[in-house]
PDB file of N, CA and C in Angstrom:
ATOM      1  N   MET A   1       0.835  -1.175   0.000  1.00  0.00           N
ATOM      2  CA  MET A   1       0.000   0.000   0.000  1.00  0.00           C
ATOM      3  C   MET A   1       0.880   1.239   0.000  1.00  0.00           C
ATOM      4  N   CYS A   2       0.515   2.213  -0.770  1.00  0.00           N
ATOM      5  CA  CYS A   2       1.240   3.479  -0.811  1.00  0.00           C
ATOM      6  C   CYS A   2       0.387   4.560  -0.177  1.00  0.00           C
ATOM      7  N   LEU A   3       1.059   5.523   0.390  1.00  0.00           N
ATOM      8  CA  LEU A   3       0.373   6.626   1.037  1.00  0.00           C
ATOM      9  C   LEU A   3       0.983   7.935   0.570  1.00  0.00           C
ATOM     10  N   ALA A   4       0.159   8.825   0.068  1.00  0.00           N
ATOM     11  CA  ALA A   4       0.641  10.146  -0.320  1.00  0.00           C
ATOM     12  C   ALA A   4       0.647  11.026   0.925  1.00  0.00           C
ATOM     13  N   ILE A   5       1.733  11.740   1.138  1.00  0.00           N
ATOM     14  CA  ILE A   5       1.868  12.540   2.350  1.00  0.00           C
ATOM     15  C   ILE A   5       2.129  14.003   2.019  1.00  0.00           C
ATOM     16  N   PRO A   6       1.623  14.909   2.855  1.00  0.00           N
ATOM     17  CA  PRO A   6       1.940  16.323   2.657  1.00  0.00           C
ATOM     18  C   PRO A   6       3.282  16.660   3.291  1.00  0.00           C
ATOM     19  N   ALA A   7       4.029  17.543   2.653  1.00  0.00           N
ATOM     20  CA  ALA A   7       5.325  17.956   3.178  1.00  0.00           C
ATOM     21  C   ALA A   7       5.619  19.384   2.715  1.00  0.00           C
ATOM     22  N   LYS A   8       6.427  20.077   3.510  1.00  0.00           N
ATOM     23  CA  LYS A   8       6.776  21.468   3.230  1.00  0.00           C
ATOM     24  C   LYS A   8       8.108  21.531   2.500  1.00  0.00           C
ATOM     25  N   ILE A   9       8.154  22.267   1.408  1.00  0.00           N
ATOM     26  CA  ILE A   9       9.391  22.399   0.638  1.00  0.00           C
ATOM     27  C   ILE A   9      10.379  23.281   1.406  1.00  0.00           C
ATOM     28  N   GLU A  10      11.542  22.710   1.709  1.00  0.00           N
ATOM     29  CA  GLU A  10      12.590  23.428   2.442  1.00  0.00           C
ATOM     30  C   GLU A  10      13.705  23.909   1.519  1.00  0.00           C
ATOM     31  N   SER A  11      13.952  23.171   0.437  1.00  0.00           N
ATOM     32  CA  SER A  11      14.957  23.591  -0.541  1.00  0.00           C
ATOM     33  C   SER A  11      14.618  22.960  -1.887  1.00  0.00           C
ATOM     34  N   ILE A  12      15.094  23.614  -2.952  1.00  0.00           N
ATOM     35  CA  ILE A  12      14.873  23.119  -4.311  1.00  0.00           C
ATOM     36  C   ILE A  12      16.180  23.270  -5.079  1.00  0.00           C
ATOM     37  N   GLU A  13      16.559  22.179  -5.753  1.00  0.00           N
ATOM     38  CA  GLU A  13      17.742  22.228  -6.609  1.00  0.00           C
ATOM     39  C   GLU A  13      17.493  21.349  -7.825  1.00  0.00           C
ATOM     40  N   ASN A  14      17.600  21.940  -9.004  1.00  0.00           N
ATOM     41  CA  ASN A  14      17.422  21.220 -10.271  1.00  0.00           C
ATOM     42  C   ASN A  14      16.094  20.470 -10.344  1.00  0.00           C
ATOM     43  N   GLY A  15      15.019  21.103  -9.889  1.00  0.00           N
ATOM     44  CA  GLY A  15      13.698  20.500  -9.984  1.00  0.00           C
ATOM     45  C   GLY A  15      13.415  19.427  -8.960  1.00  0.00           C
ATOM     46  N   VAL A  16      14.281  19.291  -7.969  1.00  0.00           N
ATOM     47  CA  VAL A  16      14.092  18.301  -6.910  1.00  0.00           C
ATOM     48  C   VAL A  16      14.052  19.034  -5.577  1.00  0.00           C
ATOM     49  N   ALA A  17      13.043  18.734  -4.782  1.00  0.00           N
ATOM     50  CA  ALA A  17      12.849  19.429  -3.511  1.00  0.00           C
ATOM     51  C   ALA A  17      13.196  18.519  -2.334  1.00  0.00           C
ATOM     52  N   GLN A  18      13.772  19.137  -1.309  1.00  0.00           N
ATOM     53  CA  GLN A  18      13.913  18.497  -0.009  1.00  0.00           C
ATOM     54  C   GLN A  18      12.737  19.002   0.817  1.00  0.00           C
ATOM     55  N   CYS A  19      11.928  18.085   1.328  1.00  0.00           N
ATOM     56  CA  CYS A  19      10.686  18.459   1.988  1.00  0.00           C
ATOM     57  C   CYS A  19      10.623  17.887   3.393  1.00  0.00           C
ATOM     58  N   ARG A  20      10.140  18.712   4.317  1.00  0.00           N
ATOM     59  CA  ARG A  20       9.976  18.295   5.715  1.00  0.00           C
ATOM     60  C   ARG A  20       8.562  17.752   5.910  1.00  0.00           C
ATOM     61  N   VAL A  21       8.484  16.589   6.538  1.00  0.00           N
ATOM     62  CA  VAL A  21       7.197  15.972   6.843  1.00  0.00           C
ATOM     63  C   VAL A  21       6.825  16.324   8.281  1.00  0.00           C
ATOM     64  N   GLY A  22       5.710  16.985   8.444  1.00  0.00           N
ATOM     65  CA  GLY A  22       5.261  17.359   9.784  1.00  0.00           C
ATOM     66  C   GLY A  22       6.198  18.363  10.428  1.00  0.00           C
ATOM     67  N   GLU A  23       6.295  18.271  11.745  1.00  0.00           N
ATOM     68  CA  GLU A  23       7.092  19.224  12.501  1.00  0.00           C
ATOM     69  C   GLU A  23       8.423  18.647  12.961  1.00  0.00           C
ATOM     70  N   GLY A  24       8.681  17.396  12.632  1.00  0.00           N
ATOM     71  CA  GLY A  24       9.892  16.737  13.091  1.00  0.00           C
ATOM     72  C   GLY A  24      11.062  16.945  12.152  1.00  0.00           C
ATOM     73  N   GLU A  25      11.979  16.008  12.214  1.00  0.00           N
ATOM     74  CA  GLU A  25      13.196  16.076  11.406  1.00  0.00           C
ATOM     75  C   GLU A  25      13.189  15.061  10.268  1.00  0.00           C
ATOM     76  N   THR A  26      12.009  14.623   9.870  1.00  0.00           N
ATOM     77  CA  THR A  26      11.898  13.690   8.758  1.00  0.00           C
ATOM     78  C   THR A  26      11.827  14.468   7.452  1.00  0.00           C
ATOM     79  N   PHE A  27      12.747  14.165   6.545  1.00  0.00           N
ATOM     80  CA  PHE A  27      12.788  14.810   5.232  1.00  0.00           C
ATOM     81  C   PHE A  27      12.632  13.761   4.144  1.00  0.00           C
ATOM     82  N   VAL A  28      11.989  14.160   3.058  1.00  0.00           N
ATOM     83  CA  VAL A  28      11.878  13.306   1.873  1.00  0.00           C
ATOM     84  C   VAL A  28      12.301  14.122   0.663  1.00  0.00           C
ATOM     85  N   THR A  29      12.793  13.431  -0.326  1.00  0.00           N
ATOM     86  CA  THR A  29      13.182  14.059  -1.581  1.00  0.00           C
ATOM     87  C   THR A  29      12.065  13.821  -2.579  1.00  0.00           C
ATOM     88  N   ALA A  30      11.701  14.881  -3.309  1.00  0.00           N
ATOM     89  CA  ALA A  30      10.601  14.749  -4.263  1.00  0.00           C
ATOM     90  C   ALA A  30      10.900  15.524  -5.539  1.00  0.00           C
ATOM     91  N   SER A  31      10.673  14.880  -6.657  1.00  0.00           N
ATOM     92  CA  SER A  31      10.761  15.554  -7.939  1.00  0.00           C
ATOM     93  C   SER A  31       9.541  16.462  -8.099  1.00  0.00           C
ATOM     94  N   LEU A  32       9.765  17.639  -8.651  1.00  0.00           N
ATOM     95  CA  LEU A  32       8.677  18.594  -8.883  1.00  0.00           C
ATOM     96  C   LEU A  32       8.162  18.551 -10.317  1.00  0.00           C
ATOM     97  N   MET A  33       8.677  17.641 -11.127  1.00  0.00           N
ATOM     98  CA  MET A  33       8.371  17.645 -12.555  1.00  0.00           C
ATOM     99  C   MET A  33       6.901  17.366 -12.894  1.00  0.00           C
ATOM    100  N   LEU A  34       6.140  16.754 -12.014  1.00  0.00           N
ATOM    101  CA  LEU A  34       4.744  16.432 -12.317  1.00  0.00           C
ATOM    102  C   LEU A  34       3.763  17.527 -11.911  1.00  0.00           C
ATOM    103  N   LEU A  35       4.230  18.532 -11.180  1.00  0.00           N
ATOM    104  CA  LEU A  35       3.327  19.597 -10.749  1.00  0.00           C
ATOM    105  C   LEU A  35       2.871  20.438 -11.934  1.00  0.00           C
ATOM    106  N   ASP A  36       1.608  20.850 -11.911  1.00  0.00           N
ATOM    107  CA  ASP A  36       1.091  21.686 -12.999  1.00  0.00           C
ATOM    108  C   ASP A  36       1.234  23.175 -12.697  1.00  0.00           C
ATOM    109  N   GLN A  37       1.831  23.498 -11.559  1.00  0.00           N
ATOM    110  CA  GLN A  37       2.114  24.888 -11.216  1.00  0.00           C
ATOM    111  C   GLN A  37       3.458  24.971 -10.510  1.00  0.00           C
ATOM    112  N   GLU A  38       4.076  26.131 -10.560  1.00  0.00           N
ATOM    113  CA  GLU A  38       5.406  26.284  -9.977  1.00  0.00           C
ATOM    114  C   GLU A  38       5.354  26.169  -8.455  1.00  0.00           C
ATOM    115  N   ALA A  39       6.321  25.479  -7.904  1.00  0.00           N
ATOM    116  CA  ALA A  39       6.446  25.336  -6.450  1.00  0.00           C
ATOM    117  C   ALA A  39       7.628  26.169  -5.978  1.00  0.00           C
ATOM    118  N   THR A  40       7.467  26.767  -4.805  1.00  0.00           N
ATOM    119  CA  THR A  40       8.530  27.588  -4.237  1.00  0.00           C
ATOM    120  C   THR A  40       8.770  27.176  -2.789  1.00  0.00           C
ATOM    121  N   LEU A  41       9.852  27.695  -2.211  1.00  0.00           N
ATOM    122  CA  LEU A  41      10.168  27.408  -0.821  1.00  0.00           C
ATOM    123  C   LEU A  41       8.979  27.759   0.069  1.00  0.00           C
ATOM    124  N   GLY A  42       8.680  26.875   1.000  1.00  0.00           N
ATOM    125  CA  GLY A  42       7.571  27.094   1.920  1.00  0.00           C
ATOM    126  C   GLY A  42       6.246  26.534   1.466  1.00  0.00           C
ATOM    127  N   ASP A  43       6.137  26.166   0.189  1.00  0.00           N
ATOM    128  CA  ASP A  43       4.903  25.546  -0.297  1.00  0.00           C
ATOM    129  C   ASP A  43       4.759  24.155   0.296  1.00  0.00           C
ATOM    130  N   TYR A  44       3.510  23.731   0.449  1.00  0.00           N
ATOM    131  CA  TYR A  44       3.215  22.355   0.838  1.00  0.00           C
ATOM    132  C   TYR A  44       2.795  21.585  -0.405  1.00  0.00           C
ATOM    133  N   VAL A  45       3.275  20.363  -0.506  1.00  0.00           N
ATOM    134  CA  VAL A  45       2.940  19.494  -1.628  1.00  0.00           C
ATOM    135  C   VAL A  45       2.564  18.119  -1.112  1.00  0.00           C
ATOM    136  N   ILE A  46       1.763  17.423  -1.899  1.00  0.00           N
ATOM    137  CA  ILE A  46       1.481  16.013  -1.641  1.00  0.00           C
ATOM    138  C   ILE A  46       2.530  15.216  -2.391  1.00  0.00           C
ATOM    139  N   ILE A  47       3.188  14.308  -1.684  1.00  0.00           N
ATOM    140  CA  ILE A  47       4.251  13.499  -2.289  1.00  0.00           C
ATOM    141  C   ILE A  47       3.799  12.050  -2.347  1.00  0.00           C
ATOM    142  N   HIS A  48       3.978  11.463  -3.504  1.00  0.00           N
ATOM    143  CA  HIS A  48       3.652  10.052  -3.712  1.00  0.00           C
ATOM    144  C   HIS A  48       4.733   9.435  -4.576  1.00  0.00           C
ATOM    145  N   ALA A  49       5.325   8.371  -4.089  1.00  0.00           N
ATOM    146  CA  ALA A  49       6.331   7.608  -4.843  1.00  0.00           C
ATOM    147  C   ALA A  49       7.470   8.497  -5.350  1.00  0.00           C
ATOM    148  N   GLY A  50       7.874   9.475  -4.533  1.00  0.00           N
ATOM    149  CA  GLY A  50       9.017  10.306  -4.893  1.00  0.00           C
ATOM    150  C   GLY A  50       8.702  11.506  -5.769  1.00  0.00           C
ATOM    151  N   PHE A  51       7.418  11.737  -6.032  1.00  0.00           N
ATOM    152  CA  PHE A  51       7.014  12.866  -6.859  1.00  0.00           C
ATOM    153  C   PHE A  51       6.023  13.750  -6.105  1.00  0.00           C
ATOM    154  N   ALA A  52       6.221  15.056  -6.193  1.00  0.00           N
ATOM    155  CA  ALA A  52       5.211  15.995  -5.720  1.00  0.00           C
ATOM    156  C   ALA A  52       4.109  15.988  -6.769  1.00  0.00           C
ATOM    157  N   ILE A  53       2.886  15.669  -6.339  1.00  0.00           N
ATOM    158  CA  ILE A  53       1.810  15.521  -7.320  1.00  0.00           C
ATOM    159  C   ILE A  53       0.770  16.637  -7.246  1.00  0.00           C
ATOM    160  N   ARG A  54       0.807  17.435  -6.155  1.00  0.00           N
ATOM    161  CA  ARG A  54      -0.152  18.533  -6.046  1.00  0.00           C
ATOM    162  C   ARG A  54       0.280  19.482  -4.944  1.00  0.00           C
ATOM    163  N   LYS A  55       0.072  20.762  -5.162  1.00  0.00           N
ATOM    164  CA  LYS A  55       0.308  21.745  -4.118  1.00  0.00           C
ATOM    165  C   LYS A  55      -0.904  21.803  -3.193  1.00  0.00           C
ATOM    166  N   LEU A  56      -0.640  22.088  -1.917  1.00  0.00           N
ATOM    167  CA  LEU A  56      -1.697  22.251  -0.919  1.00  0.00           C
ATOM    168  C   LEU A  56      -1.578  23.620  -0.274  1.00  0.00           C
ATOM    169  N   ASP A  57      -2.703  24.140   0.219  1.00  0.00           N
ATOM    170  CA  ASP A  57      -2.575  25.332   1.038  1.00  0.00           C
ATOM    171  C   ASP A  57      -2.241  24.892   2.464  1.00  0.00           C
ATOM    172  N   LEU A  58      -1.816  25.829   3.289  1.00  0.00           N
ATOM    173  CA  LEU A  58      -1.361  25.523   4.639  1.00  0.00           C
ATOM    174  C   LEU A  58      -2.429  24.808   5.458  1.00  0.00           C
ATOM    175  N   LYS A  59      -3.663  25.276   5.390  1.00  0.00           N
ATOM    176  CA  LYS A  59      -4.747  24.676   6.179  1.00  0.00           C
ATOM    177  C   LYS A  59      -4.961  23.215   5.800  1.00  0.00           C
ATOM    178  N   GLU A  60      -5.015  22.944   4.500  1.00  0.00           N
ATOM    179  CA  GLU A  60      -5.227  21.568   4.042  1.00  0.00           C
ATOM    180  C   GLU A  60      -4.070  20.664   4.448  1.00  0.00           C
ATOM    181  N   ALA A  61      -2.845  21.172   4.367  1.00  0.00           N
ATOM    182  CA  ALA A  61      -1.679  20.387   4.768  1.00  0.00           C
ATOM    183  C   ALA A  61      -1.738  20.070   6.261  1.00  0.00           C
ATOM    184  N   GLN A  62      -2.068  21.066   7.081  1.00  0.00           N
ATOM    185  CA  GLN A  62      -2.136  20.840   8.527  1.00  0.00           C
ATOM    186  C   GLN A  62      -3.236  19.854   8.889  1.00  0.00           C
ATOM    187  N   GLU A  63      -4.394  19.976   8.243  1.00  0.00           N
ATOM    188  CA  GLU A  63      -5.492  19.044   8.514  1.00  0.00           C
ATOM    189  C   GLU A  63      -5.112  17.618   8.145  1.00  0.00           C
ATOM    190  N   THR A  64      -4.462  17.459   7.009  1.00  0.00           N
ATOM    191  CA  THR A  64      -4.052  16.123   6.567  1.00  0.00           C
ATOM    192  C   THR A  64      -3.017  15.532   7.509  1.00  0.00           C
ATOM    193  N   LEU A  65      -2.038  16.334   7.929  1.00  0.00           N
ATOM    194  CA  LEU A  65      -1.021  15.845   8.868  1.00  0.00           C
ATOM    195  C   LEU A  65      -1.645  15.470  10.210  1.00  0.00           C
ATOM    196  N   THR A  66      -2.629  16.221  10.653  1.00  0.00           N
ATOM    197  CA  THR A  66      -3.317  15.895  11.908  1.00  0.00           C
ATOM    198  C   THR A  66      -4.035  14.561  11.789  1.00  0.00           C
ATOM    199  N   ILE A  67      -4.718  14.340  10.684  1.00  0.00           N
ATOM    200  CA  ILE A  67      -5.415  13.065  10.469  1.00  0.00           C
ATOM    201  C   ILE A  67      -4.421  11.913  10.465  1.00  0.00           C
ATOM    202  N   LEU A  68      -3.296  12.057   9.757  1.00  0.00           N
ATOM    203  CA  LEU A  68      -2.291  10.992   9.711  1.00  0.00           C
ATOM    204  C   LEU A  68      -1.706  10.731  11.094  1.00  0.00           C
ATOM    205  N   ARG A  69      -1.458  11.809  11.857  1.00  0.00           N
ATOM    206  CA  ARG A  69      -0.920  11.663  13.215  1.00  0.00           C
ATOM    207  C   ARG A  69      -1.928  10.935  14.112  1.00  0.00           C
ATOM    208  N   ASP A  70      -3.214  11.289  13.992  1.00  0.00           N
ATOM    209  CA  ASP A  70      -4.258  10.628  14.773  1.00  0.00           C
ATOM    210  C   ASP A  70      -4.362   9.147  14.419  1.00  0.00           C
ATOM    211  N   LEU A  71      -4.248   8.828  13.143  1.00  0.00           N
ATOM    212  CA  LEU A  71      -4.277   7.422  12.724  1.00  0.00           C
ATOM    213  C   LEU A  71      -3.089   6.646  13.295  1.00  0.00           C
ATOM    214  N   ALA A  72      -1.919   7.252  13.263  1.00  0.00           N
ATOM    215  CA  ALA A  72      -0.729   6.599  13.804  1.00  0.00           C
ATOM    216  C   ALA A  72      -0.884   6.368  15.305  1.00  0.00           C
ATOM    217  N   ASN A  73      -1.418   7.348  16.015  1.00  0.00           N
ATOM    218  CA  ASN A  73      -1.631   7.197  17.456  1.00  0.00           C
ATOM    219  C   ASN A  73      -2.652   6.117  17.754  1.00  0.00           C
ATOM    220  N   ALA A  74      -3.729   6.062  16.971  1.00  0.00           N
ATOM    221  CA  ALA A  74      -4.742   5.023  17.159  1.00  0.00           C
ATOM    222  C   ALA A  74      -4.144   3.641  16.907  1.00  0.00           C
ATOM    223  N   TYR A  75      -3.320   3.529  15.878  1.00  0.00           N
ATOM    224  CA  TYR A  75      -2.654   2.259  15.589  1.00  0.00           C
ATOM    225  C   TYR A  75      -1.772   1.841  16.760  1.00  0.00           C
ATOM    226  N   ASP A  76      -0.994   2.783  17.286  1.00  0.00           N
ATOM    227  CA  ASP A  76      -0.123   2.475  18.424  1.00  0.00           C
ATOM    228  C   ASP A  76      -0.929   1.977  19.618  1.00  0.00           C
ATOM    229  N   GLU A  77      -2.067   2.605  19.867  1.00  0.00           N
ATOM    230  CA  GLU A  77      -2.906   2.201  20.990  1.00  0.00           C
ATOM    231  C   GLU A  77      -3.447   0.787  20.795  1.00  0.00           C
ATOM    232  N   VAL A  78      -3.938   0.499  19.597  1.00  0.00           N
ATOM    233  CA  VAL A  78      -4.447  -0.845  19.296  1.00  0.00           C
ATOM    234  C   VAL A  78      -3.317  -1.862  19.411  1.00  0.00           C
ATOM    235  N   GLN A  79      -2.131  -1.517  18.932  1.00  0.00           N
ATOM    236  CA  GLN A  79      -0.989  -2.437  18.999  1.00  0.00           C
ATOM    237  C   GLN A  79      -0.601  -2.729  20.449  1.00  0.00           C
ATOM    238  N   ARG A  80      -0.605  -1.701  21.297  1.00  0.00           N
ATOM    239  CA  ARG A  80      -0.281  -1.906  22.719  1.00  0.00           C
ATOM    240  C   ARG A  80      -1.296  -2.836  23.380  1.00  0.00           C
ATOM    241  N   LYS A  81      -2.594  -2.637  23.080  1.00  0.00           N
ATOM    242  CA  LYS A  81      -3.637  -3.504  23.634  1.00  0.00           C
ATOM    243  C   LYS A  81      -3.451  -4.942  23.157  1.00  0.00           C
ATOM    244  N   TYR A  82      -3.161  -5.086  21.884  1.00  0.00           N
ATOM    245  CA  TYR A  82      -2.941  -6.424  21.328  1.00  0.00           C
ATOM    246  C   TYR A  82      -1.742  -7.095  21.993  1.00  0.00           C
ATOM    247  N   ASP A  83      -0.637  -6.361  22.094  1.00  0.00           N
ATOM    248  CA  ASP A  83       0.561  -6.918  22.723  1.00  0.00           C
ATOM    249  C   ASP A  83       0.293  -7.324  24.161  1.00  0.00           C
ATOM    250  N   LYS A  84      -0.478  -6.514  24.879  1.00  0.00           N
ATOM    251  CA  LYS A  84      -0.819  -6.822  26.278  1.00  0.00           C
ATOM    252  C   LYS A  84      -1.670  -8.089  26.358  1.00  0.00           C
ATOM    253  N   GLU A  85      -2.661  -8.209  25.455  1.00  0.00           N
ATOM    254  CA  GLU A  85      -3.530  -9.382  25.447  1.00  0.00           C
ATOM    255  C   GLU A  85      -2.761 -10.641  25.058  1.00  0.00           C
ATOM    256  N   VAL A  86      -1.940 -10.556  24.043  1.00  0.00           N
ATOM    257  CA  VAL A  86      -1.167 -11.711  23.605  1.00  0.00           C
ATOM    258  C   VAL A  86      -0.129 -12.083  24.657  1.00  0.00           C
ATOM    259  N   GLY A  87       0.509 -11.093  25.233  1.00  0.00           N
ATOM    260  CA  GLY A  87       1.493 -11.346  26.287  1.00  0.00           C
ATOM    261  C   GLY A  87       0.853 -11.969  27.512  1.00  0.00           C
ATOM    262  N   GLY A  88      -0.365 -11.493  27.859  1.00  0.00           N
ATOM    263  CA  GLY A  88      -1.082 -12.029  29.011  1.00  0.00           C
ATOM    264  C   GLY A  88      -1.595 -13.428  28.764  1.00  0.00           C
ATOM    265  N   ALA A  89      -1.926 -13.773  27.512  1.00  0.00           N
ATOM    266  CA  ALA A  89      -2.443 -15.089  27.182  1.00  0.00           C
ATOM    267  C   ALA A  89      -1.367 -16.156  27.247  1.00  0.00           C
ATOM    268  N   GLU A  90      -0.116 -15.754  27.003  1.00  0.00           N
ATOM    269  CA  GLU A  90       0.979 -16.727  27.009  1.00  0.00           C
ATOM    270  C   GLU A  90       1.470 -17.032  28.407  1.00  0.00           C
ATOM    271  N   ALA A  91       1.164 -16.183  29.362  1.00  0.00           N
ATOM    272  CA  ALA A  91       1.693 -16.365  30.726  1.00  0.00           C
ATOM    273  C   ALA A  91       0.985 -17.466  31.468  1.00  0.00           C
TER     274      ALA A  91
END
């Protein structure tokens, strides 16, 4: 399964952007060649399979990152419950 993620363009060189995902220190490299409009520093883009495929406004990028963060947290919670149940069943 592939997931397209929003990221903020931090630098651009030769049509390739270094983009920050969320507020952490995770960076991804993305080609800008598929965008139908020019991207500049500070723009948010959706990245899929190494390509920026669409520009986003700040609000849409933040909402999408919040949803992804909430999903990751929910997964972690379910995983902890599962691990506790499986660990308790083996004892």
